[in-house]
Amino acid sequence: MNSEALSKIVVQGMQEKKANDVTILDLSQVKNAVADYFVLCSASSDTQVDAISDSVEAFVYKQAKENTWQKEGKNNKEWILLDFVTVVAHIFKTDKRAHYNLESLWGDAKIIEIENV
């Protein structure tokens, strides 16, 4: 499965649990980028952060038969990172997302805003 299709599955998993401010950063044309796509979202509570993380993993496994290569942040539930090698999902509590501001850190990326469903 190509990375663009995988990023869309990640978005579906986020939307399933009502993630806020879902954004795709297309890094495929950025020199020395660590992945082709970052998919970011916000959640209002640590419970929602955890639920979104579980949903993303379930959607990716069901539709792409892929597991995460690495995952970080499951214990503190403020920023969970799910690394699928070419696509990295970042699930933030709202205040942490504003603090780290990955969109500005990767300013060369094409930013794709996803409408809430």
PDB file of N, CA and C in Angstrom:
ATOM      1  N   MET A   1       0.850  -1.179   0.000  1.00  0.00           N
ATOM      2  CA  MET A   1       0.000   0.000   0.000  1.00  0.00           C
ATOM      3  C   MET A   1       0.891   1.236   0.000  1.00  0.00           C
ATOM      4  N   ASN A   2       0.526   2.227  -0.812  1.00  0.00           N
ATOM      5  CA  ASN A   2       1.353   3.432  -0.853  1.00  0.00           C
ATOM      6  C   ASN A   2       1.063   4.327   0.351  1.00  0.00           C
ATOM      7  N   SER A   3       1.977   5.236   0.603  1.00  0.00           N
ATOM      8  CA  SER A   3       1.898   6.057   1.815  1.00  0.00           C
ATOM      9  C   SER A   3       0.712   7.027   1.784  1.00  0.00           C
ATOM     10  N   GLU A   4       0.332   7.514   0.621  1.00  0.00           N
ATOM     11  CA  GLU A   4      -0.821   8.416   0.546  1.00  0.00           C
ATOM     12  C   GLU A   4      -2.099   7.687   0.964  1.00  0.00           C
ATOM     13  N   ALA A   5      -2.291   6.478   0.462  1.00  0.00           N
ATOM     14  CA  ALA A   5      -3.468   5.687   0.838  1.00  0.00           C
ATOM     15  C   ALA A   5      -3.454   5.363   2.329  1.00  0.00           C
ATOM     16  N   LEU A   6      -2.282   5.044   2.852  1.00  0.00           N
ATOM     17  CA  LEU A   6      -2.157   4.745   4.274  1.00  0.00           C
ATOM     18  C   LEU A   6      -2.503   5.967   5.124  1.00  0.00           C
ATOM     19  N   SER A   7      -2.083   7.155   4.682  1.00  0.00           N
ATOM     20  CA  SER A   7      -2.405   8.368   5.442  1.00  0.00           C
ATOM     21  C   SER A   7      -3.911   8.582   5.515  1.00  0.00           C
ATOM     22  N   LYS A   8      -4.624   8.235   4.464  1.00  0.00           N
ATOM     23  CA  LYS A   8      -6.086   8.387   4.451  1.00  0.00           C
ATOM     24  C   LYS A   8      -6.756   7.400   5.403  1.00  0.00           C
ATOM     25  N   ILE A   9      -6.201   6.219   5.541  1.00  0.00           N
ATOM     26  CA  ILE A   9      -6.730   5.249   6.507  1.00  0.00           C
ATOM     27  C   ILE A   9      -6.507   5.752   7.926  1.00  0.00           C
ATOM     28  N   VAL A  10      -5.347   6.340   8.176  1.00  0.00           N
ATOM     29  CA  VAL A  10      -5.067   6.934   9.493  1.00  0.00           C
ATOM     30  C   VAL A  10      -6.100   8.009   9.811  1.00  0.00           C
ATOM     31  N   VAL A  11      -6.413   8.853   8.834  1.00  0.00           N
ATOM     32  CA  VAL A  11      -7.432   9.891   9.026  1.00  0.00           C
ATOM     33  C   VAL A  11      -8.773   9.265   9.400  1.00  0.00           C
ATOM     34  N   GLN A  12      -9.153   8.202   8.726  1.00  0.00           N
ATOM     35  CA  GLN A  12     -10.423   7.523   9.029  1.00  0.00           C
ATOM     36  C   GLN A  12     -10.448   7.034  10.471  1.00  0.00           C
ATOM     37  N   GLY A  13      -9.339   6.463  10.919  1.00  0.00           N
ATOM     38  CA  GLY A  13      -9.262   5.994  12.295  1.00  0.00           C
ATOM     39  C   GLY A  13      -9.398   7.126  13.295  1.00  0.00           C
ATOM     40  N   MET A  14      -8.827   8.269  12.961  1.00  0.00           N
ATOM     41  CA  MET A  14      -8.951   9.448  13.834  1.00  0.00           C
ATOM     42  C   MET A  14     -10.386   9.960  13.854  1.00  0.00           C
ATOM     43  N   GLN A  15     -10.984  10.044  12.684  1.00  0.00           N
ATOM     44  CA  GLN A  15     -12.346  10.554  12.591  1.00  0.00           C
ATOM     45  C   GLN A  15     -13.350   9.645  13.295  1.00  0.00           C
ATOM     46  N   GLU A  16     -13.079   8.366  13.322  1.00  0.00           N
ATOM     47  CA  GLU A  16     -13.968   7.414  13.985  1.00  0.00           C
ATOM     48  C   GLU A  16     -14.178   7.774  15.455  1.00  0.00           C
ATOM     49  N   LYS A  17     -13.160   8.355  16.079  1.00  0.00           N
ATOM     50  CA  LYS A  17     -13.241   8.717  17.503  1.00  0.00           C
ATOM     51  C   LYS A  17     -13.330  10.232  17.698  1.00  0.00           C
ATOM     52  N   LYS A  18     -13.843  10.919  16.665  1.00  0.00           N
ATOM     53  CA  LYS A  18     -14.140  12.359  16.754  1.00  0.00           C
ATOM     54  C   LYS A  18     -12.922  13.220  17.058  1.00  0.00           C
ATOM     55  N   ALA A  19     -11.806  12.922  16.443  1.00  0.00           N
ATOM     56  CA  ALA A  19     -10.601  13.738  16.603  1.00  0.00           C
ATOM     57  C   ALA A  19     -10.862  15.142  16.068  1.00  0.00           C
ATOM     58  N   ASN A  20     -10.197  16.121  16.650  1.00  0.00           N
ATOM     59  CA  ASN A  20     -10.325  17.511  16.235  1.00  0.00           C
ATOM     60  C   ASN A  20      -9.125  17.928  15.392  1.00  0.00           C
ATOM     61  N   ASP A  21      -9.352  18.903  14.521  1.00  0.00           N
ATOM     62  CA  ASP A  21      -8.274  19.543  13.756  1.00  0.00           C
ATOM     63  C   ASP A  21      -7.333  18.536  13.094  1.00  0.00           C
ATOM     64  N   VAL A  22      -7.900  17.600  12.356  1.00  0.00           N
ATOM     65  CA  VAL A  22      -7.075  16.614  11.657  1.00  0.00           C
ATOM     66  C   VAL A  22      -6.365  17.309  10.490  1.00  0.00           C
ATOM     67  N   THR A  23      -5.063  17.116  10.437  1.00  0.00           N
ATOM     68  CA  THR A  23      -4.226  17.757   9.425  1.00  0.00           C
ATOM     69  C   THR A  23      -3.207  16.749   8.904  1.00  0.00           C
ATOM     70  N   ILE A  24      -3.027  16.768   7.592  1.00  0.00           N
ATOM     71  CA  ILE A  24      -1.988  15.940   6.971  1.00  0.00           C
ATOM     72  C   ILE A  24      -0.860  16.859   6.536  1.00  0.00           C
ATOM     73  N   LEU A  25       0.352  16.517   6.925  1.00  0.00           N
ATOM     74  CA  LEU A  25       1.537  17.204   6.419  1.00  0.00           C
ATOM     75  C   LEU A  25       2.177  16.291   5.379  1.00  0.00           C
ATOM     76  N   ASP A  26       2.146  16.722   4.130  1.00  0.00           N
ATOM     77  CA  ASP A  26       2.750  15.961   3.040  1.00  0.00           C
ATOM     78  C   ASP A  26       4.228  16.320   2.988  1.00  0.00           C
ATOM     79  N   LEU A  27       5.046  15.405   3.453  1.00  0.00           N
ATOM     80  CA  LEU A  27       6.496  15.608   3.507  1.00  0.00           C
ATOM     81  C   LEU A  27       7.220  14.928   2.352  1.00  0.00           C
ATOM     82  N   SER A  28       6.464  14.376   1.416  1.00  0.00           N
ATOM     83  CA  SER A  28       7.072  13.557   0.363  1.00  0.00           C
ATOM     84  C   SER A  28       8.056  14.332  -0.517  1.00  0.00           C
ATOM     85  N   GLN A  29       7.905  15.651  -0.602  1.00  0.00           N
ATOM     86  CA  GLN A  29       8.813  16.456  -1.408  1.00  0.00           C
ATOM     87  C   GLN A  29       9.823  17.233  -0.556  1.00  0.00           C
ATOM     88  N   VAL A  30       9.818  16.977   0.752  1.00  0.00           N
ATOM     89  CA  VAL A  30      10.719  17.691   1.667  1.00  0.00           C
ATOM     90  C   VAL A  30      12.012  16.882   1.807  1.00  0.00           C
ATOM     91  N   LYS A  31      13.117  17.525   1.526  1.00  0.00           N
ATOM     92  CA  LYS A  31      14.417  16.851   1.594  1.00  0.00           C
ATOM     93  C   LYS A  31      14.707  16.406   3.032  1.00  0.00           C
ATOM     94  N   ASN A  32      15.195  15.186   3.184  1.00  0.00           N
ATOM     95  CA  ASN A  32      15.587  14.600   4.463  1.00  0.00           C
ATOM     96  C   ASN A  32      14.436  14.414   5.455  1.00  0.00           C
ATOM     97  N   ALA A  33      13.204  14.357   4.968  1.00  0.00           N
ATOM     98  CA  ALA A  33      12.066  14.115   5.859  1.00  0.00           C
ATOM     99  C   ALA A  33      12.118  12.686   6.378  1.00  0.00           C
ATOM    100  N   VAL A  34      11.619  12.490   7.582  1.00  0.00           N
ATOM    101  CA  VAL A  34      11.670  11.176   8.222  1.00  0.00           C
ATOM    102  C   VAL A  34      10.550  10.247   7.763  1.00  0.00           C
ATOM    103  N   ALA A  35       9.531  10.788   7.093  1.00  0.00           N
ATOM    104  CA  ALA A  35       8.407  10.003   6.590  1.00  0.00           C
ATOM    105  C   ALA A  35       7.807  10.751   5.402  1.00  0.00           C
ATOM    106  N   ASP A  36       6.916  10.096   4.682  1.00  0.00           N
ATOM    107  CA  ASP A  36       6.223  10.762   3.577  1.00  0.00           C
ATOM    108  C   ASP A  36       5.078  11.645   4.077  1.00  0.00           C
ATOM    109  N   TYR A  37       4.419  11.197   5.145  1.00  0.00           N
ATOM    110  CA  TYR A  37       3.275  11.938   5.680  1.00  0.00           C
ATOM    111  C   TYR A  37       3.288  11.917   7.205  1.00  0.00           C
ATOM    112  N   PHE A  38       2.939  13.044   7.789  1.00  0.00           N
ATOM    113  CA  PHE A  38       2.558  13.127   9.196  1.00  0.00           C
ATOM    114  C   PHE A  38       1.060  13.392   9.194  1.00  0.00           C
ATOM    115  N   VAL A  39       0.329  12.698  10.046  1.00  0.00           N
ATOM    116  CA  VAL A  39      -1.092  12.962  10.216  1.00  0.00           C
ATOM    117  C   VAL A  39      -1.274  13.358  11.671  1.00  0.00           C
ATOM    118  N   LEU A  40      -1.774  14.578  11.884  1.00  0.00           N
ATOM    119  CA  LEU A  40      -1.907  15.129  13.227  1.00  0.00           C
ATOM    120  C   LEU A  40      -3.377  15.304  13.582  1.00  0.00           C
ATOM    121  N   CYS A  41      -3.669  15.168  14.866  1.00  0.00           N
ATOM    122  CA  CYS A  41      -5.002  15.492  15.350  1.00  0.00           C
ATOM    123  C   CYS A  41      -4.922  15.891  16.806  1.00  0.00           C
ATOM    124  N   SER A  42      -6.010  16.486  17.291  1.00  0.00           N
ATOM    125  CA  SER A  42      -6.113  16.904  18.688  1.00  0.00           C
ATOM    126  C   SER A  42      -7.265  16.177  19.351  1.00  0.00           C
ATOM    127  N   ALA A  43      -7.140  16.031  20.665  1.00  0.00           N
ATOM    128  CA  ALA A  43      -8.187  15.407  21.470  1.00  0.00           C
ATOM    129  C   ALA A  43      -8.336  16.204  22.758  1.00  0.00           C
ATOM    130  N   SER A  44      -9.525  16.200  23.311  1.00  0.00           N
ATOM    131  CA  SER A  44      -9.794  17.039  24.480  1.00  0.00           C
ATOM    132  C   SER A  44      -9.433  16.384  25.809  1.00  0.00           C
ATOM    133  N   SER A  45      -9.179  15.086  25.814  1.00  0.00           N
ATOM    134  CA  SER A  45      -8.849  14.406  27.071  1.00  0.00           C
ATOM    135  C   SER A  45      -7.873  13.268  26.814  1.00  0.00           C
ATOM    136  N   ASP A  46      -7.226  12.801  27.890  1.00  0.00           N
ATOM    137  CA  ASP A  46      -6.304  11.676  27.717  1.00  0.00           C
ATOM    138  C   ASP A  46      -7.055  10.402  27.329  1.00  0.00           C
ATOM    139  N   THR A  47      -8.300  10.287  27.761  1.00  0.00           N
ATOM    140  CA  THR A  47      -9.120   9.133  27.374  1.00  0.00           C
ATOM    141  C   THR A  47      -9.364   9.140  25.871  1.00  0.00           C
ATOM    142  N   GLN A  48      -9.656  10.314  25.318  1.00  0.00           N
ATOM    143  CA  GLN A  48      -9.881  10.416  23.879  1.00  0.00           C
ATOM    144  C   GLN A  48      -8.580  10.187  23.099  1.00  0.00           C
ATOM    145  N   VAL A  49      -7.468  10.683  23.608  1.00  0.00           N
ATOM    146  CA  VAL A  49      -6.172  10.436  22.969  1.00  0.00           C
ATOM    147  C   VAL A  49      -5.941   8.933  22.837  1.00  0.00           C
ATOM    148  N   ASP A  50      -6.184   8.216  23.912  1.00  0.00           N
ATOM    149  CA  ASP A  50      -5.994   6.764  23.924  1.00  0.00           C
ATOM    150  C   ASP A  50      -6.956   6.071  22.960  1.00  0.00           C
ATOM    151  N   ALA A  51      -8.215   6.499  22.953  1.00  0.00           N
ATOM    152  CA  ALA A  51      -9.219   5.892  22.073  1.00  0.00           C
ATOM    153  C   ALA A  51      -8.878   6.123  20.602  1.00  0.00           C
ATOM    154  N   ILE A  52      -8.423   7.329  20.269  1.00  0.00           N
ATOM    155  CA  ILE A  52      -8.036   7.623  18.883  1.00  0.00           C
ATOM    156  C   ILE A  52      -6.855   6.751  18.475  1.00  0.00           C
ATOM    157  N   SER A  53      -5.890   6.620  19.354  1.00  0.00           N
ATOM    158  CA  SER A  53      -4.722   5.781  19.073  1.00  0.00           C
ATOM    159  C   SER A  53      -5.140   4.344  18.766  1.00  0.00           C
ATOM    160  N   ASP A  54      -5.986   3.795  19.609  1.00  0.00           N
ATOM    161  CA  ASP A  54      -6.466   2.421  19.391  1.00  0.00           C
ATOM    162  C   ASP A  54      -7.227   2.304  18.076  1.00  0.00           C
ATOM    163  N   SER A  55      -8.044   3.311  17.774  1.00  0.00           N
ATOM    164  CA  SER A  55      -8.823   3.300  16.545  1.00  0.00           C
ATOM    165  C   SER A  55      -7.934   3.339  15.311  1.00  0.00           C
ATOM    166  N   VAL A  56      -6.920   4.186  15.328  1.00  0.00           N
ATOM    167  CA  VAL A  56      -5.997   4.281  14.192  1.00  0.00           C
ATOM    168  C   VAL A  56      -5.307   2.934  13.968  1.00  0.00           C
ATOM    169  N   GLU A  57      -4.809   2.341  15.041  1.00  0.00           N
ATOM    170  CA  GLU A  57      -4.142   1.034  14.888  1.00  0.00           C
ATOM    171  C   GLU A  57      -5.094  -0.015  14.332  1.00  0.00           C
ATOM    172  N   ALA A  58      -6.334  -0.021  14.801  1.00  0.00           N
ATOM    173  CA  ALA A  58      -7.321  -1.004  14.331  1.00  0.00           C
ATOM    174  C   ALA A  58      -7.655  -0.780  12.857  1.00  0.00           C
ATOM    175  N   PHE A  59      -7.879   0.469  12.459  1.00  0.00           N
ATOM    176  CA  PHE A  59      -8.209   0.770  11.062  1.00  0.00           C
ATOM    177  C   PHE A  59      -7.063   0.373  10.140  1.00  0.00           C
ATOM    178  N   VAL A  60      -5.839   0.718  10.516  1.00  0.00           N
ATOM    179  CA  VAL A  60      -4.688   0.402   9.666  1.00  0.00           C
ATOM    180  C   VAL A  60      -4.515  -1.106   9.554  1.00  0.00           C
ATOM    181  N   TYR A  61      -4.670  -1.814  10.653  1.00  0.00           N
ATOM    182  CA  TYR A  61      -4.513  -3.267  10.577  1.00  0.00           C
ATOM    183  C   TYR A  61      -5.618  -3.896   9.725  1.00  0.00           C
ATOM    184  N   LYS A  62      -6.852  -3.456   9.933  1.00  0.00           N
ATOM    185  CA  LYS A  62      -7.985  -4.040   9.209  1.00  0.00           C
ATOM    186  C   LYS A  62      -7.903  -3.768   7.708  1.00  0.00           C
ATOM    187  N   GLN A  63      -7.534  -2.538   7.335  1.00  0.00           N
ATOM    188  CA  GLN A  63      -7.568  -2.166   5.919  1.00  0.00           C
ATOM    189  C   GLN A  63      -6.242  -2.363   5.189  1.00  0.00           C
ATOM    190  N   ALA A  64      -5.124  -2.270   5.899  1.00  0.00           N
ATOM    191  CA  ALA A  64      -3.822  -2.366   5.235  1.00  0.00           C
ATOM    192  C   ALA A  64      -2.987  -3.548   5.708  1.00  0.00           C
ATOM    193  N   LYS A  65      -3.471  -4.237   6.739  1.00  0.00           N
ATOM    194  CA  LYS A  65      -2.745  -5.387   7.310  1.00  0.00           C
ATOM    195  C   LYS A  65      -1.338  -4.996   7.774  1.00  0.00           C
ATOM    196  N   GLU A  66      -1.231  -3.772   8.323  1.00  0.00           N
ATOM    197  CA  GLU A  66       0.044  -3.293   8.840  1.00  0.00           C
ATOM    198  C   GLU A  66      -0.072  -2.990  10.324  1.00  0.00           C
ATOM    199  N   ASN A  67       0.990  -3.285  11.042  1.00  0.00           N
ATOM    200  CA  ASN A  67       1.095  -2.923  12.453  1.00  0.00           C
ATOM    201  C   ASN A  67       2.040  -1.741  12.595  1.00  0.00           C
ATOM    202  N   THR A  68       1.979  -1.089  13.740  1.00  0.00           N
ATOM    203  CA  THR A  68       2.914   0.006  13.980  1.00  0.00           C
ATOM    204  C   THR A  68       4.327  -0.554  14.077  1.00  0.00           C
ATOM    205  N   TRP A  69       5.263   0.201  13.552  1.00  0.00           N
ATOM    206  CA  TRP A  69       6.673  -0.150  13.666  1.00  0.00           C
ATOM    207  C   TRP A  69       7.176   0.286  15.033  1.00  0.00           C
ATOM    208  N   GLN A  70       6.777   1.490  15.447  1.00  0.00           N
ATOM    209  CA  GLN A  70       7.120   2.027  16.768  1.00  0.00           C
ATOM    210  C   GLN A  70       5.905   2.790  17.290  1.00  0.00           C
ATOM    211  N   LYS A  71       5.766   2.850  18.606  1.00  0.00           N
ATOM    212  CA  LYS A  71       4.764   3.733  19.200  1.00  0.00           C
ATOM    213  C   LYS A  71       5.309   4.279  20.502  1.00  0.00           C
ATOM    214  N   GLU A  72       4.977   5.525  20.750  1.00  0.00           N
ATOM    215  CA  GLU A  72       5.468   6.231  21.929  1.00  0.00           C
ATOM    216  C   GLU A  72       4.314   6.995  22.572  1.00  0.00           C
ATOM    217  N   GLY A  73       4.394   7.170  23.874  1.00  0.00           N
ATOM    218  CA  GLY A  73       3.456   8.032  24.578  1.00  0.00           C
ATOM    219  C   GLY A  73       2.204   7.380  25.114  1.00  0.00           C
ATOM    220  N   LYS A  74       2.083   6.056  25.004  1.00  0.00           N
ATOM    221  CA  LYS A  74       0.870   5.378  25.482  1.00  0.00           C
ATOM    222  C   LYS A  74       0.695   5.519  26.992  1.00  0.00           C
ATOM    223  N   ASN A  75       1.781   5.685  27.717  1.00  0.00           N
ATOM    224  CA  ASN A  75       1.672   5.785  29.179  1.00  0.00           C
ATOM    225  C   ASN A  75       1.153   7.141  29.643  1.00  0.00           C
ATOM    226  N   ASN A  76       1.680   8.240  29.081  1.00  0.00           N
ATOM    227  CA  ASN A  76       1.250   9.552  29.575  1.00  0.00           C
ATOM    228  C   ASN A  76       0.011  10.097  28.864  1.00  0.00           C
ATOM    229  N   LYS A  77      -0.290   9.600  27.664  1.00  0.00           N
ATOM    230  CA  LYS A  77      -1.512   9.922  26.923  1.00  0.00           C
ATOM    231  C   LYS A  77      -1.695  11.414  26.652  1.00  0.00           C
ATOM    232  N   GLU A  78      -0.605  12.134  26.483  1.00  0.00           N
ATOM    233  CA  GLU A  78      -0.694  13.543  26.104  1.00  0.00           C
ATOM    234  C   GLU A  78      -0.280  13.756  24.651  1.00  0.00           C
ATOM    235  N   TRP A  79       0.613  12.886  24.158  1.00  0.00           N
ATOM    236  CA  TRP A  79       1.038  12.911  22.759  1.00  0.00           C
ATOM    237  C   TRP A  79       1.428  11.473  22.423  1.00  0.00           C
ATOM    238  N   ILE A  80       0.601  10.821  21.647  1.00  0.00           N
ATOM    239  CA  ILE A  80       0.906   9.458  21.213  1.00  0.00           C
ATOM    240  C   ILE A  80       1.368   9.518  19.764  1.00  0.00           C
ATOM    241  N   LEU A  81       2.484   8.882  19.507  1.00  0.00           N
ATOM    242  CA  LEU A  81       3.055   8.804  18.174  1.00  0.00           C
ATOM    243  C   LEU A  81       2.954   7.360  17.706  1.00  0.00           C
ATOM    244  N   LEU A  82       2.346   7.162  16.549  1.00  0.00           N
ATOM    245  CA  LEU A  82       2.258   5.833  15.934  1.00  0.00           C
ATOM    246  C   LEU A  82       3.026   5.882  14.620  1.00  0.00           C
ATOM    247  N   ASP A  83       4.111   5.133  14.542  1.00  0.00           N
ATOM    248  CA  ASP A  83       4.996   5.160  13.378  1.00  0.00           C
ATOM    249  C   ASP A  83       4.718   3.946  12.495  1.00  0.00           C
ATOM    250  N   PHE A  84       4.206   4.222  11.300  1.00  0.00           N
ATOM    251  CA  PHE A  84       3.977   3.179  10.304  1.00  0.00           C
ATOM    252  C   PHE A  84       5.033   3.256   9.198  1.00  0.00           C
ATOM    253  N   VAL A  85       6.195   3.770   9.515  1.00  0.00           N
ATOM    254  CA  VAL A  85       7.374   3.947   8.664  1.00  0.00           C
ATOM    255  C   VAL A  85       7.187   5.105   7.673  1.00  0.00           C
ATOM    256  N   THR A  86       6.321   4.968   6.687  1.00  0.00           N
ATOM    257  CA  THR A  86       6.146   6.055   5.710  1.00  0.00           C
ATOM    258  C   THR A  86       5.096   7.075   6.159  1.00  0.00           C
ATOM    259  N   VAL A  87       4.286   6.696   7.139  1.00  0.00           N
ATOM    260  CA  VAL A  87       3.256   7.580   7.695  1.00  0.00           C
ATOM    261  C   VAL A  87       3.399   7.554   9.211  1.00  0.00           C
ATOM    262  N   VAL A  88       3.408   8.743   9.812  1.00  0.00           N
ATOM    263  CA  VAL A  88       3.500   8.841  11.263  1.00  0.00           C
ATOM    264  C   VAL A  88       2.273   9.600  11.760  1.00  0.00           C
ATOM    265  N   ALA A  89       1.522   8.975  12.666  1.00  0.00           N
ATOM    266  CA  ALA A  89       0.348   9.611  13.268  1.00  0.00           C
ATOM    267  C   ALA A  89       0.755  10.250  14.589  1.00  0.00           C
ATOM    268  N   HIS A  90       0.324  11.492  14.781  1.00  0.00           N
ATOM    269  CA  HIS A  90       0.572  12.229  16.019  1.00  0.00           C
ATOM    270  C   HIS A  90      -0.779  12.574  16.623  1.00  0.00           C
ATOM    271  N   ILE A  91      -1.062  12.037  17.806  1.00  0.00           N
ATOM    272  CA  ILE A  91      -2.339  12.266  18.474  1.00  0.00           C
ATOM    273  C   ILE A  91      -2.048  13.051  19.745  1.00  0.00           C
ATOM    274  N   PHE A  92      -2.472  14.296  19.760  1.00  0.00           N
ATOM    275  CA  PHE A  92      -2.140  15.227  20.834  1.00  0.00           C
ATOM    276  C   PHE A  92      -3.349  15.579  21.692  1.00  0.00           C
ATOM    277  N   LYS A  93      -3.114  15.811  22.979  1.00  0.00           N
ATOM    278  CA  LYS A  93      -4.062  16.610  23.739  1.00  0.00           C
ATOM    279  C   LYS A  93      -3.923  18.022  23.193  1.00  0.00           C
ATOM    280  N   THR A  94      -5.020  18.755  23.155  1.00  0.00           N
ATOM    281  CA  THR A  94      -5.050  20.050  22.476  1.00  0.00           C
ATOM    282  C   THR A  94      -3.932  20.992  22.916  1.00  0.00           C
ATOM    283  N   ASP A  95      -3.683  21.118  24.215  1.00  0.00           N
ATOM    284  CA  ASP A  95      -2.651  22.050  24.691  1.00  0.00           C
ATOM    285  C   ASP A  95      -1.244  21.616  24.260  1.00  0.00           C
ATOM    286  N   LYS A  96      -0.995  20.328  24.204  1.00  0.00           N
ATOM    287  CA  LYS A  96       0.332  19.835  23.782  1.00  0.00           C
ATOM    288  C   LYS A  96       0.564  20.090  22.297  1.00  0.00           C
ATOM    289  N   ARG A  97      -0.480  19.969  21.504  1.00  0.00           N
ATOM    290  CA  ARG A  97      -0.320  20.227  20.072  1.00  0.00           C
ATOM    291  C   ARG A  97       0.064  21.687  19.838  1.00  0.00           C
ATOM    292  N   ALA A  98      -0.589  22.595  20.543  1.00  0.00           N
ATOM    293  CA  ALA A  98      -0.267  24.014  20.402  1.00  0.00           C
ATOM    294  C   ALA A  98       1.171  24.285  20.850  1.00  0.00           C
ATOM    295  N   HIS A  99       1.598  23.611  21.904  1.00  0.00           N
ATOM    296  CA  HIS A  99       2.952  23.809  22.427  1.00  0.00           C
ATOM    297  C   HIS A  99       4.024  23.360  21.434  1.00  0.00           C
ATOM    298  N   TYR A 100       3.868  22.178  20.862  1.00  0.00           N
ATOM    299  CA  TYR A 100       4.888  21.642  19.960  1.00  0.00           C
ATOM    300  C   TYR A 100       4.780  22.179  18.534  1.00  0.00           C
ATOM    301  N   ASN A 101       3.588  22.533  18.089  1.00  0.00           N
ATOM    302  CA  ASN A 101       3.358  23.205  16.810  1.00  0.00           C
ATOM    303  C   ASN A 101       4.154  22.593  15.646  1.00  0.00           C
ATOM    304  N   LEU A 102       3.924  21.326  15.388  1.00  0.00           N
ATOM    305  CA  LEU A 102       4.658  20.626  14.324  1.00  0.00           C
ATOM    306  C   LEU A 102       4.422  21.227  12.950  1.00  0.00           C
ATOM    307  N   GLU A 103       3.260  21.836  12.745  1.00  0.00           N
ATOM    308  CA  GLU A 103       2.980  22.437  11.443  1.00  0.00           C
ATOM    309  C   GLU A 103       4.016  23.499  11.094  1.00  0.00           C
ATOM    310  N   SER A 104       4.438  24.297  12.065  1.00  0.00           N
ATOM    311  CA  SER A 104       5.442  25.327  11.760  1.00  0.00           C
ATOM    312  C   SER A 104       6.849  24.741  11.717  1.00  0.00           C
ATOM    313  N   LEU A 105       7.073  23.678  12.467  1.00  0.00           N
ATOM    314  CA  LEU A 105       8.380  23.029  12.467  1.00  0.00           C
ATOM    315  C   LEU A 105       8.688  22.441  11.087  1.00  0.00           C
ATOM    316  N   TRP A 106       7.667  21.916  10.428  1.00  0.00           N
ATOM    317  CA  TRP A 106       7.811  21.357   9.091  1.00  0.00           C
ATOM    318  C   TRP A 106       7.176  22.329   8.089  1.00  0.00           C
ATOM    319  N   GLY A 107       7.662  23.548   8.071  1.00  0.00           N
ATOM    320  CA  GLY A 107       7.091  24.612   7.248  1.00  0.00           C
ATOM    321  C   GLY A 107       7.148  24.366   5.752  1.00  0.00           C
ATOM    322  N   ASP A 108       8.048  23.508   5.297  1.00  0.00           N
ATOM    323  CA  ASP A 108       8.149  23.211   3.865  1.00  0.00           C
ATOM    324  C   ASP A 108       7.110  22.195   3.400  1.00  0.00           C
ATOM    325  N   ALA A 109       6.418  21.580   4.328  1.00  0.00           N
ATOM    326  CA  ALA A 109       5.440  20.544   3.980  1.00  0.00           C
ATOM    327  C   ALA A 109       4.179  21.165   3.400  1.00  0.00           C
ATOM    328  N   LYS A 110       3.536  20.422   2.528  1.00  0.00           N
ATOM    329  CA  LYS A 110       2.219  20.805   2.038  1.00  0.00           C
ATOM    330  C   LYS A 110       1.222  20.431   3.141  1.00  0.00           C
ATOM    331  N   ILE A 111       0.421  21.404   3.583  1.00  0.00           N
ATOM    332  CA  ILE A 111      -0.515  21.171   4.672  1.00  0.00           C
ATOM    333  C   ILE A 111      -1.913  20.963   4.116  1.00  0.00           C
ATOM    334  N   ILE A 112      -2.525  19.843   4.495  1.00  0.00           N
ATOM    335  CA  ILE A 112      -3.865  19.495   4.046  1.00  0.00           C
ATOM    336  C   ILE A 112      -4.777  19.426   5.266  1.00  0.00           C
ATOM    337  N   GLU A 113      -5.700  20.381   5.361  1.00  0.00           N
ATOM    338  CA  GLU A 113      -6.657  20.413   6.482  1.00  0.00           C
ATOM    339  C   GLU A 113      -7.815  19.471   6.141  1.00  0.00           C
ATOM    340  N   ILE A 114      -8.215  18.654   7.101  1.00  0.00           N
ATOM    341  CA  ILE A 114      -9.329  17.731   6.910  1.00  0.00           C
ATOM    342  C   ILE A 114     -10.533  18.280   7.675  1.00  0.00           C
ATOM    343  N   GLU A 115     -11.665  18.328   7.018  1.00  0.00           N
ATOM    344  CA  GLU A 115     -12.866  18.840   7.669  1.00  0.00           C
ATOM    345  C   GLU A 115     -13.373  17.834   8.698  1.00  0.00           C
ATOM    346  N   ASN A 116     -13.899  18.360   9.801  1.00  0.00           N
ATOM    347  CA  ASN A 116     -14.488  17.497  10.825  1.00  0.00           C
ATOM    348  C   ASN A 116     -15.743  16.831  10.269  1.00  0.00           C
ATOM    349  N   VAL A 117     -15.965  15.595  10.674  1.00  0.00           N
ATOM    350  CA  VAL A 117     -17.176  14.882  10.249  1.00  0.00           C
ATOM    351  C   VAL A 117     -18.125  14.717  11.408  1.00  0.00           C
TER     352      VAL A 117
END
